[in-house]
Amino acid sequence: MNFVSIRIITAEIQRLVAFYEKISGLAARWYTEDFAEISTRACTLAIASERTMKLFAEGAAQAANNRSVIVEFLVSDVDAEYRKLAPVIGRAVQEPTTMPWGNRSLLFRDPDGNLVNFFTPVSDDAIEKFARRA
């Protein structure tokens, strides 16, 4: 098994894709007007409109209703990213903070209210852990 993506269902796909393109610096690949992906070496963030849920189990996912998942991005310098993206992300949920497990993390919300974490490993253990995944 290989974990390859996470998908966000949204009522405003153009707005949400544009936000993730801006914060990641990556271009989305659009497959239909209702489905786009932003891919990194490690994983893919899929973004789909609510209309796509009719193809699965209609009503199973509800846009802008997440309160338990954090979308996380490994960045080389979380403090620099925060300075650069502050006007884009608005008020941070948590400004860059060094966590007990060795990552320096910035927590903010996307336009649908989903939590996003940009983090940089700073402890020796965290640096080693993520070096193995590169």
N, C-alpha and C. Protein backbone atom coordinates (compact mmCIF):
# COMPACT_ATOMS: atom_id res chain seq x y z
N MET A 1 0.84 -1.18 0.00
CA MET A 1 0.00 0.00 0.00
C MET A 1 0.89 1.24 0.00
N ASN A 2 0.41 2.29 -0.64
CA ASN A 2 1.14 3.55 -0.69
C ASN A 2 0.15 4.69 -0.56
N PHE A 3 0.34 5.54 0.44
CA PHE A 3 -0.52 6.70 0.63
C PHE A 3 -0.13 7.74 -0.42
N VAL A 4 -1.07 8.13 -1.29
CA VAL A 4 -0.72 8.99 -2.41
C VAL A 4 -1.40 10.36 -2.42
N SER A 5 -2.56 10.49 -1.76
CA SER A 5 -3.20 11.80 -1.83
C SER A 5 -4.21 12.00 -0.71
N ILE A 6 -4.58 13.25 -0.57
CA ILE A 6 -5.69 13.65 0.27
C ILE A 6 -6.56 14.55 -0.61
N ARG A 7 -7.86 14.48 -0.43
CA ARG A 7 -8.77 15.25 -1.28
C ARG A 7 -9.62 16.17 -0.42
N ILE A 8 -9.73 17.41 -0.86
CA ILE A 8 -10.60 18.38 -0.20
C ILE A 8 -11.79 18.62 -1.12
N ILE A 9 -12.98 18.52 -0.56
CA ILE A 9 -14.21 18.83 -1.28
C ILE A 9 -14.58 20.27 -0.96
N THR A 10 -14.89 21.04 -2.00
CA THR A 10 -15.17 22.46 -1.80
C THR A 10 -16.35 22.93 -2.65
N ALA A 11 -17.00 23.96 -2.20
CA ALA A 11 -18.07 24.59 -2.97
C ALA A 11 -17.51 25.63 -3.94
N GLU A 12 -16.25 26.05 -3.71
CA GLU A 12 -15.64 27.09 -4.55
C GLU A 12 -14.27 26.62 -5.02
N ILE A 13 -14.26 25.74 -6.00
CA ILE A 13 -13.03 25.08 -6.43
C ILE A 13 -12.00 26.06 -7.00
N GLN A 14 -12.42 27.01 -7.80
CA GLN A 14 -11.46 27.97 -8.38
C GLN A 14 -10.72 28.72 -7.27
N ARG A 15 -11.45 29.19 -6.28
CA ARG A 15 -10.86 29.95 -5.18
C ARG A 15 -9.90 29.09 -4.37
N LEU A 16 -10.29 27.86 -4.07
CA LEU A 16 -9.45 27.01 -3.22
C LEU A 16 -8.19 26.56 -3.97
N VAL A 17 -8.33 26.21 -5.23
CA VAL A 17 -7.15 25.82 -6.01
C VAL A 17 -6.18 27.00 -6.10
N ALA A 18 -6.69 28.18 -6.38
CA ALA A 18 -5.83 29.37 -6.47
C ALA A 18 -5.08 29.62 -5.15
N PHE A 19 -5.76 29.42 -4.03
CA PHE A 19 -5.12 29.59 -2.73
C PHE A 19 -3.96 28.61 -2.56
N TYR A 20 -4.20 27.34 -2.83
CA TYR A 20 -3.14 26.33 -2.66
C TYR A 20 -2.01 26.52 -3.68
N GLU A 21 -2.31 26.99 -4.86
CA GLU A 21 -1.25 27.31 -5.81
C GLU A 21 -0.38 28.44 -5.26
N LYS A 22 -1.02 29.44 -4.69
CA LYS A 22 -0.28 30.59 -4.17
C LYS A 22 0.60 30.20 -2.98
N ILE A 23 0.06 29.44 -2.03
CA ILE A 23 0.86 29.11 -0.84
C ILE A 23 1.93 28.07 -1.12
N SER A 24 1.70 27.21 -2.10
CA SER A 24 2.68 26.16 -2.40
C SER A 24 3.69 26.57 -3.47
N GLY A 25 3.32 27.54 -4.30
CA GLY A 25 4.17 27.91 -5.42
C GLY A 25 4.12 26.90 -6.55
N LEU A 26 3.15 25.99 -6.50
CA LEU A 26 3.01 24.94 -7.52
C LEU A 26 1.75 25.17 -8.34
N ALA A 27 1.80 24.78 -9.59
CA ALA A 27 0.63 24.90 -10.46
C ALA A 27 -0.23 23.65 -10.35
N ALA A 28 -1.51 23.86 -10.31
CA ALA A 28 -2.44 22.73 -10.29
C ALA A 28 -2.60 22.16 -11.69
N ARG A 29 -2.86 20.88 -11.74
CA ARG A 29 -3.23 20.24 -13.00
C ARG A 29 -4.74 20.01 -12.95
N TRP A 30 -5.45 20.61 -13.88
CA TRP A 30 -6.90 20.48 -13.95
C TRP A 30 -7.25 19.30 -14.85
N TYR A 31 -8.08 18.40 -14.34
CA TYR A 31 -8.55 17.26 -15.13
C TYR A 31 -9.94 17.51 -15.69
N THR A 32 -10.77 18.19 -14.91
CA THR A 32 -12.09 18.65 -15.34
C THR A 32 -12.34 19.97 -14.63
N GLU A 33 -13.44 20.62 -14.92
CA GLU A 33 -13.75 21.87 -14.21
C GLU A 33 -14.05 21.63 -12.73
N ASP A 34 -14.24 20.37 -12.36
CA ASP A 34 -14.57 20.01 -10.98
C ASP A 34 -13.45 19.30 -10.23
N PHE A 35 -12.28 19.15 -10.86
CA PHE A 35 -11.22 18.35 -10.21
C PHE A 35 -9.84 18.80 -10.64
N ALA A 36 -9.00 19.12 -9.65
CA ALA A 36 -7.62 19.52 -9.90
C ALA A 36 -6.71 18.88 -8.85
N GLU A 37 -5.43 18.77 -9.20
CA GLU A 37 -4.45 18.22 -8.27
C GLU A 37 -3.20 19.10 -8.23
N ILE A 38 -2.64 19.21 -7.05
CA ILE A 38 -1.34 19.85 -6.85
C ILE A 38 -0.44 18.76 -6.30
N SER A 39 0.59 18.44 -7.06
CA SER A 39 1.44 17.30 -6.69
C SER A 39 2.84 17.73 -6.28
N THR A 40 3.35 17.03 -5.27
CA THR A 40 4.74 17.15 -4.85
C THR A 40 5.37 15.77 -5.02
N ARG A 41 6.66 15.66 -4.72
CA ARG A 41 7.32 14.35 -4.81
C ARG A 41 6.68 13.36 -3.84
N ALA A 42 6.21 13.84 -2.72
CA ALA A 42 5.75 12.95 -1.66
C ALA A 42 4.27 12.60 -1.74
N CYS A 43 3.44 13.54 -2.19
CA CYS A 43 2.00 13.32 -2.10
C CYS A 43 1.27 14.29 -3.03
N THR A 44 -0.01 14.06 -3.21
CA THR A 44 -0.85 14.93 -4.04
C THR A 44 -2.01 15.47 -3.22
N LEU A 45 -2.26 16.76 -3.39
CA LEU A 45 -3.44 17.38 -2.81
C LEU A 45 -4.46 17.48 -3.94
N ALA A 46 -5.52 16.72 -3.83
CA ALA A 46 -6.61 16.76 -4.81
C ALA A 46 -7.68 17.71 -4.28
N ILE A 47 -8.24 18.50 -5.16
CA ILE A 47 -9.29 19.43 -4.79
C ILE A 47 -10.44 19.21 -5.77
N ALA A 48 -11.62 18.96 -5.22
CA ALA A 48 -12.77 18.64 -6.07
C ALA A 48 -13.98 19.44 -5.63
N SER A 49 -14.85 19.72 -6.58
CA SER A 49 -16.08 20.42 -6.25
C SER A 49 -17.07 19.46 -5.60
N GLU A 50 -18.04 20.03 -4.95
CA GLU A 50 -19.09 19.21 -4.31
C GLU A 50 -19.79 18.32 -5.33
N ARG A 51 -19.86 18.78 -6.57
CA ARG A 51 -20.55 18.00 -7.61
C ARG A 51 -19.93 16.61 -7.79
N THR A 52 -18.64 16.46 -7.51
CA THR A 52 -17.99 15.16 -7.70
C THR A 52 -18.50 14.12 -6.71
N MET A 53 -19.08 14.56 -5.62
CA MET A 53 -19.58 13.60 -4.63
C MET A 53 -20.75 12.79 -5.16
N LYS A 54 -21.42 13.27 -6.19
CA LYS A 54 -22.50 12.51 -6.81
C LYS A 54 -21.97 11.23 -7.45
N LEU A 55 -20.68 11.22 -7.79
CA LEU A 55 -20.05 10.04 -8.38
C LEU A 55 -19.66 9.01 -7.32
N PHE A 56 -19.56 9.44 -6.09
CA PHE A 56 -19.22 8.55 -4.97
C PHE A 56 -20.49 8.22 -4.21
N ALA A 57 -20.65 8.86 -3.08
CA ALA A 57 -21.84 8.70 -2.26
C ALA A 57 -22.33 10.10 -1.93
N GLU A 58 -23.32 10.54 -2.66
CA GLU A 58 -23.79 11.91 -2.51
C GLU A 58 -24.05 12.25 -1.05
N GLY A 59 -23.51 13.40 -0.63
CA GLY A 59 -23.71 13.86 0.75
C GLY A 59 -22.71 13.30 1.74
N ALA A 60 -21.86 12.38 1.33
CA ALA A 60 -20.90 11.77 2.26
C ALA A 60 -19.85 12.76 2.74
N ALA A 61 -19.48 13.70 1.89
CA ALA A 61 -18.53 14.75 2.27
C ALA A 61 -19.22 16.09 2.13
N GLN A 62 -18.93 17.00 3.05
CA GLN A 62 -19.54 18.33 3.03
C GLN A 62 -18.43 19.37 3.02
N ALA A 63 -18.49 20.27 2.06
CA ALA A 63 -17.48 21.32 1.93
C ALA A 63 -17.43 22.20 3.17
N ALA A 64 -16.23 22.69 3.46
CA ALA A 64 -15.99 23.65 4.55
C ALA A 64 -16.52 23.16 5.89
N ASN A 65 -16.39 21.87 6.15
CA ASN A 65 -16.96 21.29 7.35
C ASN A 65 -15.94 20.49 8.15
N ASN A 66 -14.65 20.67 7.88
CA ASN A 66 -13.60 19.88 8.52
C ASN A 66 -13.14 20.53 9.83
N ARG A 67 -13.04 19.76 10.86
CA ARG A 67 -12.50 20.23 12.14
C ARG A 67 -11.56 19.20 12.74
N SER A 68 -11.03 18.27 11.92
CA SER A 68 -10.18 17.23 12.50
C SER A 68 -8.93 16.90 11.69
N VAL A 69 -8.79 17.41 10.49
CA VAL A 69 -7.66 17.07 9.64
C VAL A 69 -6.81 18.32 9.41
N ILE A 70 -5.49 18.13 9.39
CA ILE A 70 -4.56 19.21 9.08
C ILE A 70 -3.79 18.82 7.83
N VAL A 71 -3.79 19.68 6.82
CA VAL A 71 -3.02 19.46 5.61
C VAL A 71 -1.63 20.03 5.88
N GLU A 72 -0.59 19.18 5.74
CA GLU A 72 0.75 19.59 6.15
C GLU A 72 1.73 19.63 4.98
N PHE A 73 2.55 20.67 4.98
CA PHE A 73 3.59 20.85 3.97
C PHE A 73 4.93 21.05 4.66
N LEU A 74 5.91 20.27 4.26
CA LEU A 74 7.28 20.43 4.71
C LEU A 74 7.91 21.55 3.90
N VAL A 75 8.43 22.58 4.57
CA VAL A 75 9.06 23.72 3.90
C VAL A 75 10.47 23.91 4.46
N SER A 76 11.33 24.54 3.69
CA SER A 76 12.72 24.67 4.12
C SER A 76 12.90 25.70 5.24
N ASP A 77 12.06 26.74 5.29
CA ASP A 77 12.18 27.77 6.32
C ASP A 77 10.80 28.32 6.63
N VAL A 78 10.19 27.80 7.67
CA VAL A 78 8.81 28.17 7.99
C VAL A 78 8.69 29.66 8.35
N ASP A 79 9.70 30.22 8.98
CA ASP A 79 9.62 31.64 9.33
C ASP A 79 9.64 32.52 8.08
N ALA A 80 10.47 32.17 7.10
CA ALA A 80 10.50 32.92 5.84
C ALA A 80 9.18 32.77 5.10
N GLU A 81 8.61 31.56 5.10
CA GLU A 81 7.31 31.34 4.45
C GLU A 81 6.23 32.19 5.11
N TYR A 82 6.26 32.28 6.42
CA TYR A 82 5.27 33.08 7.13
C TYR A 82 5.39 34.56 6.73
N ARG A 83 6.60 35.09 6.70
CA ARG A 83 6.79 36.49 6.31
C ARG A 83 6.27 36.72 4.89
N LYS A 84 6.55 35.78 4.00
CA LYS A 84 6.14 35.91 2.60
C LYS A 84 4.62 35.78 2.43
N LEU A 85 4.02 34.85 3.17
CA LEU A 85 2.61 34.52 2.95
C LEU A 85 1.63 35.21 3.89
N ALA A 86 2.10 35.97 4.85
CA ALA A 86 1.20 36.61 5.82
C ALA A 86 0.05 37.37 5.15
N PRO A 87 0.30 38.13 4.09
CA PRO A 87 -0.83 38.82 3.44
C PRO A 87 -1.82 37.87 2.78
N VAL A 88 -1.36 36.69 2.38
CA VAL A 88 -2.22 35.72 1.70
C VAL A 88 -3.07 34.94 2.71
N ILE A 89 -2.44 34.52 3.80
CA ILE A 89 -3.14 33.66 4.76
C ILE A 89 -3.92 34.44 5.80
N GLY A 90 -3.63 35.73 5.95
CA GLY A 90 -4.32 36.51 6.97
C GLY A 90 -3.84 36.13 8.36
N ARG A 91 -4.74 36.16 9.29
CA ARG A 91 -4.40 35.86 10.69
C ARG A 91 -4.06 34.38 10.85
N ALA A 92 -2.89 34.11 11.40
CA ALA A 92 -2.48 32.73 11.64
C ALA A 92 -3.22 32.17 12.85
N VAL A 93 -3.50 30.89 12.80
CA VAL A 93 -4.04 30.21 13.98
C VAL A 93 -2.94 30.12 15.04
N GLN A 94 -1.72 29.84 14.56
CA GLN A 94 -0.54 29.83 15.43
C GLN A 94 0.66 30.26 14.61
N GLU A 95 1.29 31.34 15.02
CA GLU A 95 2.50 31.79 14.34
C GLU A 95 3.61 30.75 14.54
N PRO A 96 4.70 30.84 13.77
CA PRO A 96 5.75 29.83 13.88
C PRO A 96 6.17 29.57 15.33
N THR A 97 6.09 28.30 15.69
CA THR A 97 6.36 27.84 17.06
C THR A 97 7.10 26.52 16.98
N THR A 98 8.11 26.35 17.82
CA THR A 98 8.83 25.08 17.85
C THR A 98 8.06 24.11 18.74
N MET A 99 7.69 22.98 18.14
CA MET A 99 6.87 21.98 18.82
C MET A 99 7.76 20.99 19.57
N PRO A 100 7.21 20.30 20.58
CA PRO A 100 8.01 19.36 21.37
C PRO A 100 8.62 18.22 20.54
N TRP A 101 8.04 17.89 19.39
CA TRP A 101 8.56 16.78 18.58
C TRP A 101 9.62 17.24 17.58
N GLY A 102 10.01 18.52 17.64
CA GLY A 102 11.16 18.98 16.86
C GLY A 102 10.88 19.70 15.58
N ASN A 103 9.62 20.00 15.29
CA ASN A 103 9.29 20.77 14.10
C ASN A 103 8.92 22.19 14.49
N ARG A 104 9.31 23.14 13.67
CA ARG A 104 8.84 24.51 13.83
C ARG A 104 7.65 24.65 12.90
N SER A 105 6.49 25.01 13.45
CA SER A 105 5.22 24.92 12.72
C SER A 105 4.48 26.25 12.67
N LEU A 106 3.85 26.49 11.53
CA LEU A 106 2.95 27.61 11.30
C LEU A 106 1.59 27.00 10.97
N LEU A 107 0.57 27.38 11.72
CA LEU A 107 -0.77 26.84 11.51
C LEU A 107 -1.71 27.96 11.06
N PHE A 108 -2.42 27.73 9.96
CA PHE A 108 -3.37 28.71 9.45
C PHE A 108 -4.52 27.98 8.77
N ARG A 109 -5.53 28.72 8.33
CA ARG A 109 -6.70 28.12 7.67
C ARG A 109 -6.75 28.52 6.20
N ASP A 110 -7.21 27.57 5.39
CA ASP A 110 -7.46 27.89 3.98
C ASP A 110 -8.82 28.59 3.88
N PRO A 111 -9.22 29.06 2.70
CA PRO A 111 -10.49 29.78 2.58
C PRO A 111 -11.73 28.99 3.01
N ASP A 112 -11.66 27.65 3.01
CA ASP A 112 -12.79 26.84 3.47
C ASP A 112 -12.72 26.54 4.96
N GLY A 113 -11.68 27.01 5.64
CA GLY A 113 -11.55 26.78 7.07
C GLY A 113 -10.73 25.56 7.43
N ASN A 114 -10.19 24.83 6.45
CA ASN A 114 -9.34 23.67 6.74
C ASN A 114 -8.01 24.14 7.32
N LEU A 115 -7.52 23.42 8.31
CA LEU A 115 -6.23 23.76 8.90
C LEU A 115 -5.09 23.35 7.98
N VAL A 116 -4.10 24.23 7.87
CA VAL A 116 -2.90 23.98 7.07
C VAL A 116 -1.70 24.21 7.99
N ASN A 117 -0.74 23.29 7.95
CA ASN A 117 0.47 23.41 8.73
C ASN A 117 1.67 23.44 7.81
N PHE A 118 2.44 24.52 7.85
CA PHE A 118 3.74 24.56 7.20
C PHE A 118 4.74 24.28 8.32
N PHE A 119 5.66 23.35 8.08
CA PHE A 119 6.62 23.04 9.14
C PHE A 119 8.01 22.80 8.59
N THR A 120 8.98 23.07 9.46
CA THR A 120 10.39 22.84 9.18
C THR A 120 10.98 22.05 10.33
N PRO A 121 11.59 20.90 10.07
CA PRO A 121 12.26 20.15 11.14
C PRO A 121 13.44 20.97 11.66
N VAL A 122 13.55 21.07 12.99
CA VAL A 122 14.65 21.84 13.58
C VAL A 122 15.48 21.04 14.58
N SER A 123 14.91 20.02 15.19
CA SER A 123 15.70 19.19 16.10
C SER A 123 16.48 18.16 15.29
N ASP A 124 17.54 17.63 15.86
CA ASP A 124 18.33 16.61 15.16
C ASP A 124 17.46 15.42 14.75
N ASP A 125 16.61 14.95 15.67
CA ASP A 125 15.75 13.79 15.36
C ASP A 125 14.78 14.10 14.22
N ALA A 126 14.16 15.28 14.25
CA ALA A 126 13.20 15.64 13.20
C ALA A 126 13.91 15.82 11.86
N ILE A 127 15.07 16.44 11.88
CA ILE A 127 15.83 16.62 10.64
C ILE A 127 16.18 15.26 10.05
N GLU A 128 16.63 14.34 10.89
CA GLU A 128 16.99 13.00 10.42
C GLU A 128 15.76 12.27 9.88
N LYS A 129 14.65 12.37 10.58
CA LYS A 129 13.40 11.70 10.16
C LYS A 129 13.00 12.13 8.76
N PHE A 130 13.00 13.42 8.50
CA PHE A 130 12.52 13.91 7.21
C PHE A 130 13.59 13.83 6.13
N ALA A 131 14.84 13.73 6.49
CA ALA A 131 15.91 13.51 5.50
C ALA A 131 15.75 12.14 4.86
N ARG A 132 15.28 11.17 5.64
CA ARG A 132 15.06 9.81 5.12
C ARG A 132 13.91 9.77 4.13
N ARG A 133 13.00 10.72 4.21
CA ARG A 133 11.82 10.74 3.33
C ARG A 133 12.04 11.56 2.07
N ALA A 134 13.12 12.27 2.01
CA ALA A 134 13.36 13.17 0.87
C ALA A 134 13.69 12.38 -0.38
